[in-house]
Amino acid sequence: MAKRKGSGEVARPASELPRAGDTTHGDTLMDWTLRGYHLSELMIALKGAREEHVPQIMKDFSAKIHMLEALRREFQAALPPEKLSELEPMFVDPSKIPELERRLSQLKYEPKTSELRAELATLNTKGFEREAEAIKKALEDPRRLNEAEMAIGTLKKKIKEKFFEQEFAVQLESRPAPSSPGLMLDTIVVMHKDGTLLAVKSKKPKEELDKRFLSKAIVKIREAALQYPEGATLDVDGTKFSIQPGAYVCVALSFHGEEPQILRRVLKKVTDILERKHSETFKTWTGDRSRLFDIDKYPTAIFQALEKVE
C-alpha cells in the first residue's frame, strides 16, 4: 500500500514504478535503457510522483531525449568524426543539454567571432585601450556578438575622428594674413575625375542654398577636373573656386576674398590623404560611391582646418 507524504500526496513505492513489462511506459524505459541514456534523473522523479503525474514526467523527459538527438545531429553536421566522438558521453546525459547548447552556440558563431576579432586587430587602438578591452570581453560571449559588432563600428568612427585631427594638425596662422582680408569659405565639392559626384558640403543652411547655381558649378567643376592644372582657380558667375586635382579626384572650394596660400596646402593635403587611404577603391573604381564609406568627413575636415584663417 502506498504511504502518504506529509503534503497529502501519495508517493509511488519502487514496486509500482513503470517497468519494461508495463503497457504504458515500460517499453519506453527499456528502449531508453538499451540506447544508453542516463535515467537516474527520471527514476528519482518517478519514485516520488503520484500516478496522475507520471505521464507528464515521461513527456518532459522524452522532450529531453529529443533535444539530445537534435543536438547530436547539429554537431554531426558541424564536426569531423574524431571531434564528435569526444562528445558522445554527453549525448546520452540529459543533464548535459545546457553545456551542449553552449558549445554549439560557440561553434556556430566562431566564424563571426573570428571575423570581428580580426577586424579589431587591424585597428590602431592606441588611446582607446579601454574600449578595445571591453570589445574583447564581449567577443567571449556569443550572445554579445551584436553588441561587440556595434562597439567596433563606434570605435572605428572614434579612430577616424582622431586620424583627421592628427592629419590636419597643420601649422595654421592664428589670425588672417594681411594678404587675405575678409576671407569667406562657402562650399566644398569632391568629385571623381570620371564625373561622379562624391561629396558636397556648404556652410550655408539648406534653405539658403542656390541650387541652380550649385548645379551649374558642379557642371563647371566636372569640366575643370580634367582640364585645370593644380593651383588653378575657376570662376562661376563671379564666385571663385580653388581647384585641386589629384590622380583620381578633384576637390573644389568656393571662397570670397583673397585666396591665402594655406588654403592650397590644406586642399592638397586632403586630396593626398583621400587618394592614399582609398587607393585600392580608386584603382578598381566602378562608380560606386558607397565604397568610400567616410567620404563625407573630408569636406568637414577642410572647413575645420581652415577656420583659423577665415
Protein backbone atom coordinates (compact mmCIF):
# COMPACT_ATOMS: atom_id res chain seq x y z
CA MET A 1 0.00 0.00 0.00
CA ALA A 2 1.33 3.47 -0.84
CA LYS A 3 2.41 5.71 2.04
CA ARG A 4 1.00 9.19 2.36
CA LYS A 5 3.51 12.07 2.31
CA GLY A 6 3.10 14.96 4.72
CA SER A 7 1.64 17.13 1.95
CA GLY A 8 -1.19 14.72 1.41
CA GLU A 9 0.25 13.40 -1.89
CA VAL A 10 0.56 9.67 -2.32
CA ALA A 11 4.12 8.63 -3.22
CA ARG A 12 4.71 5.67 -5.53
CA PRO A 13 6.75 2.85 -3.99
CA ALA A 14 9.56 1.37 -6.09
CA SER A 15 7.46 -1.71 -6.81
CA GLU A 16 4.92 0.47 -8.64
CA LEU A 17 7.38 2.38 -10.87
CA PRO A 18 7.00 1.84 -14.64
CA ARG A 19 8.80 -1.30 -15.69
CA ALA A 20 9.78 -2.83 -19.00
CA GLY A 21 6.67 -5.01 -18.91
CA ASP A 22 4.21 -2.15 -18.31
CA THR A 23 1.97 -1.50 -21.29
CA THR A 24 2.16 2.29 -20.79
CA HIS A 25 5.76 3.35 -20.12
CA GLY A 26 7.77 0.18 -19.64
CA ASP A 27 8.65 -0.23 -23.31
CA THR A 28 9.82 3.37 -23.47
CA LEU A 29 12.04 2.94 -20.40
CA MET A 30 13.51 -0.24 -21.85
CA ASP A 31 14.19 1.49 -25.17
CA TRP A 32 15.97 4.41 -23.47
CA THR A 33 17.98 1.98 -21.34
CA LEU A 34 19.10 -0.07 -24.36
CA ARG A 35 20.12 3.14 -26.17
CA GLY A 36 22.36 4.05 -23.26
CA TYR A 37 20.57 7.12 -21.91
CA HIS A 38 21.15 8.14 -18.29
CA LEU A 39 17.83 7.64 -16.50
CA SER A 40 18.77 8.42 -12.89
CA GLU A 41 17.10 11.86 -13.05
CA LEU A 42 13.92 10.28 -14.41
CA MET A 43 13.83 7.46 -11.87
CA ILE A 44 14.18 9.88 -8.97
CA ALA A 45 11.29 11.95 -10.34
CA LEU A 46 9.09 8.87 -10.82
CA LYS A 47 9.86 7.48 -7.39
CA GLY A 48 8.22 10.38 -5.60
CA ALA A 49 5.44 11.01 -8.11
CA ARG A 50 1.72 10.50 -7.92
CA GLU A 51 0.09 8.27 -10.53
CA GLU A 52 -1.53 11.16 -12.43
CA HIS A 53 1.82 12.99 -12.71
CA VAL A 54 3.66 10.12 -14.37
CA PRO A 55 2.55 10.84 -17.99
CA GLN A 56 3.78 14.45 -17.76
CA ILE A 57 7.09 13.38 -16.21
CA MET A 58 7.61 10.88 -19.02
CA LYS A 59 6.63 13.50 -21.61
CA ASP A 60 9.10 16.03 -20.19
CA PHE A 61 11.92 13.50 -20.15
CA SER A 62 11.05 12.39 -23.69
CA ALA A 63 11.44 16.02 -24.79
CA LYS A 64 14.95 15.99 -23.33
CA ILE A 65 15.78 12.84 -25.28
CA HIS A 66 14.57 14.50 -28.48
CA MET A 67 16.68 17.55 -27.63
CA LEU A 68 19.78 15.36 -27.21
CA GLU A 69 19.07 13.71 -30.57
CA ALA A 70 18.66 17.10 -32.26
CA LEU A 71 21.88 18.39 -30.70
CA ARG A 72 23.73 15.29 -31.88
CA ARG A 73 22.54 15.90 -35.46
CA GLU A 74 23.70 19.52 -35.37
CA PHE A 75 27.12 18.55 -34.05
CA GLN A 76 27.38 15.77 -36.66
CA ALA A 77 26.86 18.38 -39.39
CA ALA A 78 29.46 20.72 -37.91
CA LEU A 79 32.24 18.47 -36.61
CA PRO A 80 34.51 15.78 -38.07
CA PRO A 81 34.04 12.24 -36.63
CA GLU A 82 37.12 12.40 -34.39
CA LYS A 83 35.85 15.56 -32.70
CA LEU A 84 32.31 14.21 -32.45
CA SER A 85 33.47 11.09 -30.57
CA GLU A 86 34.72 13.29 -27.72
CA LEU A 87 31.16 14.45 -27.10
CA GLU A 88 29.44 11.03 -27.28
CA PRO A 89 29.11 10.62 -23.46
CA MET A 90 27.26 13.94 -23.32
CA PHE A 91 24.70 12.90 -25.96
CA VAL A 92 23.14 10.32 -23.61
CA ASP A 93 23.05 12.51 -20.50
CA PRO A 94 20.09 14.95 -20.27
CA SER A 95 21.88 16.96 -17.59
CA LYS A 96 24.47 17.94 -20.24
CA ILE A 97 21.95 19.72 -22.50
CA PRO A 98 22.89 23.25 -21.29
CA GLU A 99 26.60 22.53 -21.84
CA LEU A 100 25.95 21.09 -25.31
CA GLU A 101 23.86 24.13 -26.25
CA ARG A 102 26.64 26.44 -25.07
CA ARG A 103 29.25 24.57 -27.10
CA LEU A 104 27.03 24.51 -30.19
CA SER A 105 26.46 28.24 -29.89
CA GLN A 106 30.21 28.83 -29.74
CA LEU A 107 30.71 26.56 -32.75
CA LYS A 108 28.04 28.34 -34.81
CA TYR A 109 29.29 31.82 -34.03
CA GLU A 110 33.03 31.10 -34.16
CA PRO A 111 33.40 32.31 -37.79
CA LYS A 112 31.70 35.61 -36.93
CA THR A 113 33.70 35.90 -33.71
CA SER A 114 36.95 35.28 -35.58
CA GLU A 115 35.97 37.87 -38.21
CA LEU A 116 35.29 40.52 -35.56
CA ARG A 117 38.49 39.70 -33.68
CA ALA A 118 40.45 40.06 -36.93
CA GLU A 119 38.74 43.39 -37.64
CA LEU A 120 39.58 44.64 -34.15
CA ALA A 121 43.20 43.53 -34.59
CA THR A 122 43.56 45.72 -37.69
CA LEU A 123 42.60 48.88 -35.79
CA ASN A 124 45.12 51.22 -34.21
CA THR A 125 43.58 51.26 -30.74
CA LYS A 126 46.27 53.39 -29.13
CA GLY A 127 44.42 55.80 -26.89
CA PHE A 128 41.33 53.57 -26.97
CA GLU A 129 42.63 50.65 -24.89
CA ARG A 130 39.63 50.61 -22.56
CA GLU A 131 37.16 50.35 -25.46
CA ALA A 132 39.24 47.61 -27.11
CA GLU A 133 39.33 45.55 -23.91
CA ALA A 134 35.56 45.87 -23.48
CA ILE A 135 35.06 44.60 -27.04
CA LYS A 136 37.39 41.64 -26.45
CA LYS A 137 35.37 40.75 -23.35
CA ALA A 138 32.11 40.91 -25.32
CA LEU A 139 33.55 38.64 -28.02
CA GLU A 140 33.98 35.88 -25.43
CA ASP A 141 30.18 35.55 -25.18
CA PRO A 142 28.30 34.52 -28.37
CA ARG A 143 25.19 36.25 -27.03
CA ARG A 144 27.04 39.60 -27.14
CA LEU A 145 28.28 39.42 -30.74
CA ASN A 146 25.87 42.10 -31.97
CA GLU A 147 26.95 44.34 -29.10
CA ALA A 148 30.62 43.75 -29.98
CA GLU A 149 30.00 44.46 -33.68
CA MET A 150 28.29 47.78 -32.90
CA ALA A 151 31.07 48.70 -30.46
CA ILE A 152 33.69 48.06 -33.17
CA GLY A 153 31.76 50.36 -35.52
CA THR A 154 31.70 53.09 -32.87
CA LEU A 155 35.41 52.61 -32.16
CA LYS A 156 36.25 52.88 -35.87
CA LYS A 157 34.43 56.22 -36.00
CA LYS A 158 36.38 57.50 -32.99
CA ILE A 159 39.67 56.37 -34.54
CA LYS A 160 38.79 58.11 -37.82
CA GLU A 161 37.98 61.32 -35.98
CA LYS A 162 41.33 61.15 -34.20
CA PHE A 163 43.02 60.39 -37.53
CA PHE A 164 41.57 63.53 -39.10
CA GLU A 165 42.53 65.64 -36.10
CA GLN A 166 46.14 64.47 -36.33
CA GLU A 167 46.42 64.54 -40.13
CA PHE A 168 45.13 68.09 -40.35
CA ALA A 169 47.14 69.45 -37.44
CA VAL A 170 48.98 71.79 -39.81
CA GLN A 171 50.61 74.99 -38.65
CA LEU A 172 47.81 77.47 -39.34
CA GLU A 173 48.05 81.20 -38.80
CA SER A 174 46.28 82.26 -35.64
CA ARG A 175 44.63 85.19 -37.48
CA PRO A 176 44.00 86.08 -41.12
CA ALA A 177 47.10 87.00 -43.07
CA PRO A 178 47.27 90.64 -44.20
CA SER A 179 47.23 89.46 -47.84
CA SER A 180 43.85 87.75 -47.45
CA PRO A 181 41.46 90.14 -45.68
CA GLY A 182 37.87 89.09 -45.24
CA LEU A 183 38.30 85.53 -46.49
CA MET A 184 34.97 83.68 -46.51
CA LEU A 185 34.59 80.00 -47.27
CA ASP A 186 31.38 78.72 -48.79
CA THR A 187 31.02 75.33 -50.49
CA ILE A 188 33.24 72.26 -50.97
CA VAL A 189 32.75 69.81 -53.83
CA VAL A 190 34.58 66.47 -54.05
CA MET A 191 34.31 64.74 -57.42
CA HIS A 192 35.84 61.74 -59.13
CA LYS A 193 37.52 62.63 -62.39
CA ASP A 194 35.04 60.42 -64.24
CA GLY A 195 32.37 62.92 -63.21
CA THR A 196 30.90 61.02 -60.25
CA LEU A 197 29.91 63.47 -57.51
CA LEU A 198 31.34 62.16 -54.22
CA ALA A 199 30.51 64.84 -51.66
CA VAL A 200 29.13 68.38 -51.35
CA LYS A 201 29.15 70.44 -48.17
CA SER A 202 28.20 74.07 -47.68
CA LYS A 203 28.38 76.39 -44.71
CA LYS A 204 25.04 77.83 -45.75
CA PRO A 205 21.79 76.37 -44.37
CA LYS A 206 19.93 74.22 -46.90
CA GLU A 207 17.15 76.77 -47.29
CA GLU A 208 19.69 79.43 -48.30
CA LEU A 209 21.46 77.35 -50.93
CA ASP A 210 21.09 78.46 -54.53
CA LYS A 211 20.52 75.01 -56.02
CA ARG A 212 20.52 76.31 -59.59
CA PHE A 213 23.91 77.93 -59.07
CA LEU A 214 25.23 74.82 -57.31
CA SER A 215 24.16 72.59 -60.22
CA LYS A 216 25.89 74.93 -62.67
CA ALA A 217 29.03 74.98 -60.52
CA ILE A 218 29.14 71.18 -60.38
CA VAL A 219 28.98 71.02 -64.19
CA LYS A 220 31.86 73.51 -64.43
CA ILE A 221 33.92 71.64 -61.81
CA ARG A 222 33.32 68.38 -63.71
CA GLU A 223 34.88 70.00 -66.78
CA ALA A 224 37.70 71.58 -64.77
CA ALA A 225 38.59 68.27 -63.09
CA LEU A 226 40.13 67.03 -66.34
CA GLN A 227 41.39 70.30 -67.80
CA TYR A 228 42.63 72.54 -64.99
CA PRO A 229 46.15 72.18 -63.54
CA GLU A 230 46.95 72.21 -59.83
CA GLY A 231 46.61 75.70 -58.37
CA ALA A 232 44.02 76.88 -60.89
CA THR A 233 41.01 78.98 -59.97
CA LEU A 234 37.59 78.51 -61.54
CA ASP A 235 35.13 81.39 -61.85
CA VAL A 236 31.41 80.57 -61.84
CA ASP A 237 29.22 83.67 -62.22
CA GLY A 238 31.65 85.72 -60.15
CA THR A 239 32.20 83.09 -57.44
CA LYS A 240 35.74 81.74 -57.30
CA PHE A 241 36.53 78.06 -56.76
CA SER A 242 40.01 76.91 -55.82
CA ILE A 243 40.62 73.71 -57.83
CA GLN A 244 42.83 70.88 -56.53
CA PRO A 245 43.02 67.96 -59.00
CA GLY A 246 44.57 64.68 -57.90
CA ALA A 247 45.25 61.42 -59.67
CA TYR A 248 41.65 60.24 -59.24
CA VAL A 249 39.62 63.04 -57.66
CA CYS A 250 39.18 66.78 -57.81
CA VAL A 251 38.45 68.93 -54.74
CA ALA A 252 36.94 72.38 -55.30
CA LEU A 253 36.32 75.05 -52.64
CA SER A 254 34.42 78.27 -53.27
CA PHE A 255 35.61 81.36 -51.41
CA HIS A 256 35.18 85.12 -51.27
CA GLY A 257 38.14 87.40 -50.72
CA GLU A 258 41.80 86.91 -51.47
CA GLU A 259 42.96 83.30 -51.58
CA PRO A 260 45.60 82.54 -48.91
CA GLN A 261 48.43 80.07 -49.53
CA ILE A 262 47.30 77.91 -46.61
CA LEU A 263 44.07 77.12 -48.48
CA ARG A 264 46.06 75.41 -51.25
CA ARG A 265 48.12 73.49 -48.72
CA VAL A 266 45.06 72.14 -46.96
CA LEU A 267 43.26 71.19 -50.19
CA LYS A 268 46.34 69.36 -51.45
CA LYS A 269 46.74 67.53 -48.16
CA VAL A 270 43.10 66.48 -48.16
CA THR A 271 43.33 65.21 -51.73
CA ASP A 272 46.53 63.26 -51.00
CA ILE A 273 45.07 61.65 -47.87
CA LEU A 274 41.80 60.76 -49.61
CA GLU A 275 43.54 59.11 -52.56
CA ARG A 276 46.08 57.33 -50.39
CA LYS A 277 43.54 55.96 -47.93
CA HIS A 278 41.21 54.72 -50.69
CA SER A 279 43.85 53.82 -53.27
CA GLU A 280 42.55 50.27 -53.80
CA THR A 281 39.00 51.54 -54.30
CA PHE A 282 40.14 54.11 -56.85
CA LYS A 283 42.32 51.58 -58.69
CA THR A 284 39.27 49.36 -59.19
CA TRP A 285 36.75 52.20 -59.43
CA THR A 286 33.28 51.21 -60.63
CA GLY A 287 31.45 54.45 -59.88
CA ASP A 288 30.04 53.07 -56.60
CA ARG A 289 30.26 55.97 -54.14
CA SER A 290 29.19 53.75 -51.21
CA ARG A 291 32.63 52.10 -51.25
CA LEU A 292 34.03 55.41 -49.95
CA PHE A 293 32.38 54.93 -46.57
CA ASP A 294 33.91 58.03 -44.91
CA ILE A 295 33.89 60.45 -47.85
CA ASP A 296 31.66 63.00 -46.08
CA LYS A 297 34.31 63.54 -43.41
CA TYR A 298 36.76 65.12 -45.84
CA PRO A 299 34.81 68.34 -46.54
CA THR A 300 34.22 68.70 -42.79
CA ALA A 301 37.95 68.30 -42.16
CA ILE A 302 38.73 71.04 -44.71
CA PHE A 303 36.40 73.51 -43.02
CA GLN A 304 37.80 72.68 -39.58
CA ALA A 305 41.38 73.12 -40.77
CA LEU A 306 40.64 76.48 -42.40
CA GLU A 307 38.57 78.00 -39.61
CA LYS A 308 41.60 79.82 -38.24
CA VAL A 309 42.23 81.74 -41.42
CA GLU A 310 38.68 82.94 -42.06
